[in-house]
């Protein structure tokens, strides 16, 4: 599977590789941001814990939607 990904990655142009890298970067950014919102003790905004968990889960779900889009776009 990793070999197939690598061969597909090599077929892409430089622009497509850069966009794939940016997509993966933003996926990890949204995932880490969602985890920070949920687990950070000194959160700078005054939000109740239930709203923080909801907002963090929303960011994590959005990160996984982006991940599915990356996988779907990479198969082409």
PDB file of N, CA and C in Angstrom:
ATOM      1  N   UNK A   1       0.816  -1.185   0.000  1.00  0.00           N
ATOM      2  CA  UNK A   1       0.000   0.000   0.000  1.00  0.00           C
ATOM      3  C   UNK A   1       0.864   1.254   0.000  1.00  0.00           C
ATOM      4  N   UNK A   2       1.894   1.248   0.812  1.00  0.00           N
ATOM      5  CA  UNK A   2       2.781   2.408   0.871  1.00  0.00           C
ATOM      6  C   UNK A   2       3.552   2.562  -0.439  1.00  0.00           C
ATOM      7  N   UNK A   3       3.899   1.430  -1.060  1.00  0.00           N
ATOM      8  CA  UNK A   3       4.588   1.472  -2.346  1.00  0.00           C
ATOM      9  C   UNK A   3       3.686   2.080  -3.418  1.00  0.00           C
ATOM     10  N   UNK A   4       2.403   1.726  -3.388  1.00  0.00           N
ATOM     11  CA  UNK A   4       1.449   2.282  -4.348  1.00  0.00           C
ATOM     12  C   UNK A   4       1.302   3.793  -4.150  1.00  0.00           C
ATOM     13  N   UNK A   5       1.243   4.224  -2.881  1.00  0.00           N
ATOM     14  CA  UNK A   5       1.159   5.656  -2.579  1.00  0.00           C
ATOM     15  C   UNK A   5       2.401   6.379  -3.092  1.00  0.00           C
ATOM     16  N   UNK A   6       3.572   5.779  -2.895  1.00  0.00           N
ATOM     17  CA  UNK A   6       4.823   6.408  -3.319  1.00  0.00           C
ATOM     18  C   UNK A   6       4.883   6.529  -4.841  1.00  0.00           C
ATOM     19  N   UNK A   7       4.465   5.479  -5.547  1.00  0.00           N
ATOM     20  CA  UNK A   7       4.464   5.546  -7.013  1.00  0.00           C
ATOM     21  C   UNK A   7       3.479   6.594  -7.515  1.00  0.00           C
ATOM     22  N   UNK A   8       2.314   6.660  -6.881  1.00  0.00           N
ATOM     23  CA  UNK A   8       1.325   7.664  -7.263  1.00  0.00           C
ATOM     24  C   UNK A   8       1.835   9.067  -6.951  1.00  0.00           C
ATOM     25  N   UNK A   9       2.554   9.209  -5.852  1.00  0.00           N
ATOM     26  CA  UNK A   9       3.123  10.497  -5.468  1.00  0.00           C
ATOM     27  C   UNK A   9       4.170  10.944  -6.483  1.00  0.00           C
ATOM     28  N   UNK A  10       4.962  10.011  -7.000  1.00  0.00           N
ATOM     29  CA  UNK A  10       5.999  10.348  -7.972  1.00  0.00           C
ATOM     30  C   UNK A  10       5.408  10.773  -9.316  1.00  0.00           C
ATOM     31  N   UNK A  11       4.202  10.309  -9.636  1.00  0.00           N
ATOM     32  CA  UNK A  11       3.564  10.667 -10.904  1.00  0.00           C
ATOM     33  C   UNK A  11       3.039  12.096 -10.896  1.00  0.00           C
ATOM     34  N   UNK A  12       2.809  12.642  -9.722  1.00  0.00           N
ATOM     35  CA  UNK A  12       2.218  13.974  -9.620  1.00  0.00           C
ATOM     36  C   UNK A  12       3.217  15.060  -9.993  1.00  0.00           C
ATOM     37  N   UNK A  13       2.667  16.153 -10.484  1.00  0.00           N
ATOM     38  CA  UNK A  13       3.517  17.297 -10.798  1.00  0.00           C
ATOM     39  C   UNK A  13       3.937  17.978  -9.498  1.00  0.00           C
ATOM     40  N   UNK A  14       4.842  18.910  -9.621  1.00  0.00           N
ATOM     41  CA  UNK A  14       5.335  19.618  -8.438  1.00  0.00           C
ATOM     42  C   UNK A  14       4.210  20.392  -7.756  1.00  0.00           C
ATOM     43  N   UNK A  15       3.327  20.976  -8.541  1.00  0.00           N
ATOM     44  CA  UNK A  15       2.191  21.717  -7.985  1.00  0.00           C
ATOM     45  C   UNK A  15       1.261  20.783  -7.209  1.00  0.00           C
ATOM     46  N   UNK A  16       0.970  19.618  -7.765  1.00  0.00           N
ATOM     47  CA  UNK A  16       0.096  18.657  -7.087  1.00  0.00           C
ATOM     48  C   UNK A  16       0.728  18.127  -5.805  1.00  0.00           C
ATOM     49  N   UNK A  17       2.032  17.908  -5.817  1.00  0.00           N
ATOM     50  CA  UNK A  17       2.725  17.464  -4.604  1.00  0.00           C
ATOM     51  C   UNK A  17       2.668  18.530  -3.517  1.00  0.00           C
ATOM     52  N   UNK A  18       2.861  19.791  -3.908  1.00  0.00           N
ATOM     53  CA  UNK A  18       2.791  20.881  -2.950  1.00  0.00           C
ATOM     54  C   UNK A  18       1.393  20.985  -2.351  1.00  0.00           C
ATOM     55  N   UNK A  19       0.366  20.876  -3.171  1.00  0.00           N
ATOM     56  CA  UNK A  19      -1.006  20.942  -2.676  1.00  0.00           C
ATOM     57  C   UNK A  19      -1.323  19.763  -1.763  1.00  0.00           C
ATOM     58  N   UNK A  20      -0.777  18.584  -2.060  1.00  0.00           N
ATOM     59  CA  UNK A  20      -0.964  17.426  -1.190  1.00  0.00           C
ATOM     60  C   UNK A  20      -0.286  17.663   0.156  1.00  0.00           C
ATOM     61  N   UNK A  21       0.902  18.223   0.131  1.00  0.00           N
ATOM     62  CA  UNK A  21       1.614  18.537   1.371  1.00  0.00           C
ATOM     63  C   UNK A  21       0.842  19.553   2.207  1.00  0.00           C
ATOM     64  N   UNK A  22       0.329  20.601   1.568  1.00  0.00           N
ATOM     65  CA  UNK A  22      -0.456  21.619   2.277  1.00  0.00           C
ATOM     66  C   UNK A  22      -1.727  20.999   2.852  1.00  0.00           C
ATOM     67  N   UNK A  23      -2.366  20.116   2.111  1.00  0.00           N
ATOM     68  CA  UNK A  23      -3.581  19.450   2.605  1.00  0.00           C
ATOM     69  C   UNK A  23      -3.288  18.614   3.843  1.00  0.00           C
ATOM     70  N   UNK A  24      -2.201  17.867   3.819  1.00  0.00           N
ATOM     71  CA  UNK A  24      -1.825  17.052   4.974  1.00  0.00           C
ATOM     72  C   UNK A  24      -1.453  17.946   6.153  1.00  0.00           C
ATOM     73  N   UNK A  25      -0.786  19.057   5.880  1.00  0.00           N
ATOM     74  CA  UNK A  25      -0.426  20.001   6.933  1.00  0.00           C
ATOM     75  C   UNK A  25      -1.671  20.577   7.616  1.00  0.00           C
ATOM     76  N   UNK A  26      -2.666  20.968   6.835  1.00  0.00           N
ATOM     77  CA  UNK A  26      -3.875  21.530   7.427  1.00  0.00           C
ATOM     78  C   UNK A  26      -4.711  20.470   8.132  1.00  0.00           C
ATOM     79  N   UNK A  27      -4.669  19.226   7.645  1.00  0.00           N
ATOM     80  CA  UNK A  27      -5.342  18.141   8.361  1.00  0.00           C
ATOM     81  C   UNK A  27      -4.759  18.004   9.765  1.00  0.00           C
ATOM     82  N   UNK A  28      -3.441  17.977   9.866  1.00  0.00           N
ATOM     83  CA  UNK A  28      -2.817  17.841  11.190  1.00  0.00           C
ATOM     84  C   UNK A  28      -3.052  19.091  12.036  1.00  0.00           C
ATOM     85  N   UNK A  29      -3.080  20.261  11.401  1.00  0.00           N
ATOM     86  CA  UNK A  29      -3.334  21.495  12.133  1.00  0.00           C
ATOM     87  C   UNK A  29      -4.719  21.484  12.770  1.00  0.00           C
ATOM     88  N   UNK A  30      -5.751  21.111  12.019  1.00  0.00           N
ATOM     89  CA  UNK A  30      -7.104  21.069  12.572  1.00  0.00           C
ATOM     90  C   UNK A  30      -7.230  19.997  13.647  1.00  0.00           C
ATOM     91  N   UNK A  31      -6.574  18.872  13.455  1.00  0.00           N
ATOM     92  CA  UNK A  31      -6.632  17.798  14.449  1.00  0.00           C
ATOM     93  C   UNK A  31      -5.985  18.248  15.760  1.00  0.00           C
ATOM     94  N   UNK A  32      -4.804  18.830  15.680  1.00  0.00           N
ATOM     95  CA  UNK A  32      -4.094  19.276  16.882  1.00  0.00           C
ATOM     96  C   UNK A  32      -4.833  20.435  17.540  1.00  0.00           C
ATOM     97  N   UNK A  33      -5.383  21.337  16.751  1.00  0.00           N
ATOM     98  CA  UNK A  33      -6.137  22.460  17.311  1.00  0.00           C
ATOM     99  C   UNK A  33      -7.374  21.972  18.058  1.00  0.00           C
ATOM    100  N   UNK A  34      -8.067  20.986  17.501  1.00  0.00           N
ATOM    101  CA  UNK A  34      -9.220  20.418  18.194  1.00  0.00           C
ATOM    102  C   UNK A  34      -8.828  19.770  19.501  1.00  0.00           C
ATOM    103  N   UNK A  35      -7.709  19.056  19.513  1.00  0.00           N
ATOM    104  CA  UNK A  35      -7.246  18.431  20.752  1.00  0.00           C
ATOM    105  C   UNK A  35      -6.802  19.481  21.773  1.00  0.00           C
ATOM    106  N   UNK A  36      -6.172  20.564  21.302  1.00  0.00           N
ATOM    107  CA  UNK A  36      -5.793  21.640  22.221  1.00  0.00           C
ATOM    108  C   UNK A  36      -7.014  22.288  22.861  1.00  0.00           C
ATOM    109  N   UNK A  37      -8.045  22.520  22.072  1.00  0.00           N
ATOM    110  CA  UNK A  37      -9.251  23.152  22.608  1.00  0.00           C
ATOM    111  C   UNK A  37      -9.866  22.278  23.690  1.00  0.00           C
ATOM    112  N   UNK A  38      -9.869  20.983  23.474  1.00  0.00           N
ATOM    113  CA  UNK A  38     -10.484  20.079  24.448  1.00  0.00           C
ATOM    114  C   UNK A  38      -9.628  19.932  25.702  1.00  0.00           C
ATOM    115  N   UNK A  39      -8.336  19.722  25.562  1.00  0.00           N
ATOM    116  CA  UNK A  39      -7.496  19.332  26.694  1.00  0.00           C
ATOM    117  C   UNK A  39      -6.666  20.442  27.321  1.00  0.00           C
ATOM    118  N   UNK A  40      -6.697  21.640  26.787  1.00  0.00           N
ATOM    119  CA  UNK A  40      -5.887  22.724  27.337  1.00  0.00           C
ATOM    120  C   UNK A  40      -6.510  23.233  28.640  1.00  0.00           C
ATOM    121  N   UNK A  41      -5.695  23.318  29.678  1.00  0.00           N
ATOM    122  CA  UNK A  41      -6.196  23.736  30.987  1.00  0.00           C
ATOM    123  C   UNK A  41      -6.482  25.238  31.035  1.00  0.00           C
ATOM    124  N   UNK A  42      -5.549  26.049  30.562  1.00  0.00           N
ATOM    125  CA  UNK A  42      -5.696  27.509  30.608  1.00  0.00           C
ATOM    126  C   UNK A  42      -6.152  28.022  29.244  1.00  0.00           C
ATOM    127  N   UNK A  43      -7.369  27.693  28.868  1.00  0.00           N
ATOM    128  CA  UNK A  43      -7.890  28.127  27.573  1.00  0.00           C
ATOM    129  C   UNK A  43      -8.150  29.631  27.624  1.00  0.00           C
ATOM    130  N   UNK A  44      -7.649  30.396  26.629  1.00  0.00           N
ATOM    131  CA  UNK A  44      -7.734  31.854  26.718  1.00  0.00           C
ATOM    132  C   UNK A  44      -9.156  32.414  26.615  1.00  0.00           C
ATOM    133  N   UNK A  45     -10.075  31.698  26.002  1.00  0.00           N
ATOM    134  CA  UNK A  45     -11.449  32.180  25.908  1.00  0.00           C
ATOM    135  C   UNK A  45     -12.266  31.630  27.061  1.00  0.00           C
ATOM    136  N   UNK A  46     -13.202  32.433  27.540  1.00  0.00           N
ATOM    137  CA  UNK A  46     -14.042  32.009  28.653  1.00  0.00           C
ATOM    138  C   UNK A  46     -15.217  31.197  28.115  1.00  0.00           C
ATOM    139  N   UNK A  47     -15.024  29.885  28.002  1.00  0.00           N
ATOM    140  CA  UNK A  47     -16.061  28.978  27.506  1.00  0.00           C
ATOM    141  C   UNK A  47     -16.276  27.883  28.537  1.00  0.00           C
ATOM    142  N   UNK A  48     -17.501  27.429  28.627  1.00  0.00           N
ATOM    143  CA  UNK A  48     -17.740  26.297  29.519  1.00  0.00           C
ATOM    144  C   UNK A  48     -17.147  25.037  28.883  1.00  0.00           C
ATOM    145  N   UNK A  49     -16.934  24.029  29.704  1.00  0.00           N
ATOM    146  CA  UNK A  49     -16.275  22.811  29.223  1.00  0.00           C
ATOM    147  C   UNK A  49     -17.102  22.111  28.152  1.00  0.00           C
ATOM    148  N   UNK A  50     -18.418  22.147  28.267  1.00  0.00           N
ATOM    149  CA  UNK A  50     -19.252  21.468  27.270  1.00  0.00           C
ATOM    150  C   UNK A  50     -19.126  22.137  25.897  1.00  0.00           C
ATOM    151  N   UNK A  51     -19.031  23.467  25.849  1.00  0.00           N
ATOM    152  CA  UNK A  51     -18.836  24.164  24.579  1.00  0.00           C
ATOM    153  C   UNK A  51     -17.437  23.915  24.018  1.00  0.00           C
ATOM    154  N   UNK A  52     -16.456  23.832  24.894  1.00  0.00           N
ATOM    155  CA  UNK A  52     -15.094  23.541  24.437  1.00  0.00           C
ATOM    156  C   UNK A  52     -15.011  22.151  23.825  1.00  0.00           C
ATOM    157  N   UNK A  53     -15.653  21.177  24.456  1.00  0.00           N
ATOM    158  CA  UNK A  53     -15.648  19.816  23.915  1.00  0.00           C
ATOM    159  C   UNK A  53     -16.377  19.782  22.579  1.00  0.00           C
ATOM    160  N   UNK A  54     -17.512  20.472  22.477  1.00  0.00           N
ATOM    161  CA  UNK A  54     -18.259  20.501  21.225  1.00  0.00           C
ATOM    162  C   UNK A  54     -17.447  21.160  20.113  1.00  0.00           C
ATOM    163  N   UNK A  55     -16.795  22.274  20.431  1.00  0.00           N
ATOM    164  CA  UNK A  55     -15.980  22.971  19.432  1.00  0.00           C
ATOM    165  C   UNK A  55     -14.771  22.124  19.035  1.00  0.00           C
ATOM    166  N   UNK A  56     -14.138  21.488  19.994  1.00  0.00           N
ATOM    167  CA  UNK A  56     -13.001  20.627  19.696  1.00  0.00           C
ATOM    168  C   UNK A  56     -13.397  19.434  18.844  1.00  0.00           C
ATOM    169  N   UNK A  57     -14.540  18.824  19.154  1.00  0.00           N
ATOM    170  CA  UNK A  57     -15.011  17.695  18.348  1.00  0.00           C
ATOM    171  C   UNK A  57     -15.382  18.136  16.942  1.00  0.00           C
ATOM    172  N   UNK A  58     -15.932  19.328  16.811  1.00  0.00           N
ATOM    173  CA  UNK A  58     -16.244  19.857  15.488  1.00  0.00           C
ATOM    174  C   UNK A  58     -14.967  20.021  14.659  1.00  0.00           C
ATOM    175  N   UNK A  59     -13.915  20.530  15.270  1.00  0.00           N
ATOM    176  CA  UNK A  59     -12.636  20.671  14.557  1.00  0.00           C
ATOM    177  C   UNK A  59     -12.050  19.311  14.183  1.00  0.00           C
ATOM    178  N   UNK A  60     -12.170  18.325  15.076  1.00  0.00           N
ATOM    179  CA  UNK A  60     -11.631  17.000  14.793  1.00  0.00           C
ATOM    180  C   UNK A  60     -12.418  16.322  13.677  1.00  0.00           C
ATOM    181  N   UNK A  61     -13.733  16.458  13.688  1.00  0.00           N
ATOM    182  CA  UNK A  61     -14.559  15.880  12.617  1.00  0.00           C
ATOM    183  C   UNK A  61     -14.207  16.534  11.286  1.00  0.00           C
ATOM    184  N   UNK A  62     -14.026  17.859  11.294  1.00  0.00           N
ATOM    185  CA  UNK A  62     -13.636  18.545  10.071  1.00  0.00           C
ATOM    186  C   UNK A  62     -12.266  18.075   9.581  1.00  0.00           C
ATOM    187  N   UNK A  63     -11.365  17.793  10.493  1.00  0.00           N
ATOM    188  CA  UNK A  63     -10.046  17.278  10.107  1.00  0.00           C
ATOM    189  C   UNK A  63     -10.183  15.920   9.419  1.00  0.00           C
ATOM    190  N   UNK A  64     -11.056  15.065   9.936  1.00  0.00           N
ATOM    191  CA  UNK A  64     -11.229  13.760   9.303  1.00  0.00           C
ATOM    192  C   UNK A  64     -11.958  13.856   7.972  1.00  0.00           C
ATOM    193  N   UNK A  65     -12.829  14.845   7.812  1.00  0.00           N
ATOM    194  CA  UNK A  65     -13.448  15.070   6.501  1.00  0.00           C
ATOM    195  C   UNK A  65     -12.381  15.483   5.501  1.00  0.00           C
ATOM    196  N   UNK A  66     -11.460  16.327   5.931  1.00  0.00           N
ATOM    197  CA  UNK A  66     -10.347  16.705   5.056  1.00  0.00           C
ATOM    198  C   UNK A  66      -9.467  15.499   4.726  1.00  0.00           C
ATOM    199  N   UNK A  67      -9.272  14.614   5.704  1.00  0.00           N
ATOM    200  CA  UNK A  67      -8.465  13.414   5.476  1.00  0.00           C
ATOM    201  C   UNK A  67      -9.118  12.518   4.422  1.00  0.00           C
ATOM    202  N   UNK A  68     -10.421  12.368   4.502  1.00  0.00           N
ATOM    203  CA  UNK A  68     -11.129  11.557   3.506  1.00  0.00           C
ATOM    204  C   UNK A  68     -10.995  12.189   2.120  1.00  0.00           C
ATOM    205  N   UNK A  69     -11.074  13.511   2.051  1.00  0.00           N
ATOM    206  CA  UNK A  69     -10.883  14.180   0.770  1.00  0.00           C
ATOM    207  C   UNK A  69      -9.476  13.988   0.220  1.00  0.00           C
ATOM    208  N   UNK A  70      -8.475  13.999   1.099  1.00  0.00           N
ATOM    209  CA  UNK A  70      -7.088  13.789   0.671  1.00  0.00           C
ATOM    210  C   UNK A  70      -6.940  12.380   0.099  1.00  0.00           C
ATOM    211  N   UNK A  71      -7.496  11.394   0.781  1.00  0.00           N
ATOM    212  CA  UNK A  71      -7.390  10.013   0.321  1.00  0.00           C
ATOM    213  C   UNK A  71      -8.111   9.838  -1.005  1.00  0.00           C
ATOM    214  N   UNK A  72      -9.287  10.428  -1.117  1.00  0.00           N
ATOM    215  CA  UNK A  72     -10.062  10.308  -2.353  1.00  0.00           C
ATOM    216  C   UNK A  72      -9.352  10.999  -3.526  1.00  0.00           C
ATOM    217  N   UNK A  73      -8.789  12.173  -3.299  1.00  0.00           N
ATOM    218  CA  UNK A  73      -8.091  12.892  -4.357  1.00  0.00           C
ATOM    219  C   UNK A  73      -6.771  12.225  -4.728  1.00  0.00           C
ATOM    220  N   UNK A  74      -6.158  11.531  -3.789  1.00  0.00           N
ATOM    221  CA  UNK A  74      -4.868  10.901  -4.050  1.00  0.00           C
ATOM    222  C   UNK A  74      -5.011   9.623  -4.866  1.00  0.00           C
ATOM    223  N   UNK A  75      -6.185   9.008  -4.884  1.00  0.00           N
ATOM    224  CA  UNK A  75      -6.378   7.772  -5.641  1.00  0.00           C
ATOM    225  C   UNK A  75      -6.415   8.022  -7.149  1.00  0.00           C
ATOM    226  N   UNK A  76      -6.687   9.241  -7.538  1.00  0.00           N
ATOM    227  CA  UNK A  76      -6.791   9.547  -8.973  1.00  0.00           C
ATOM    228  C   UNK A  76      -5.449   9.547  -9.647  1.00  0.00           C
TER     229      UNK A  76
END
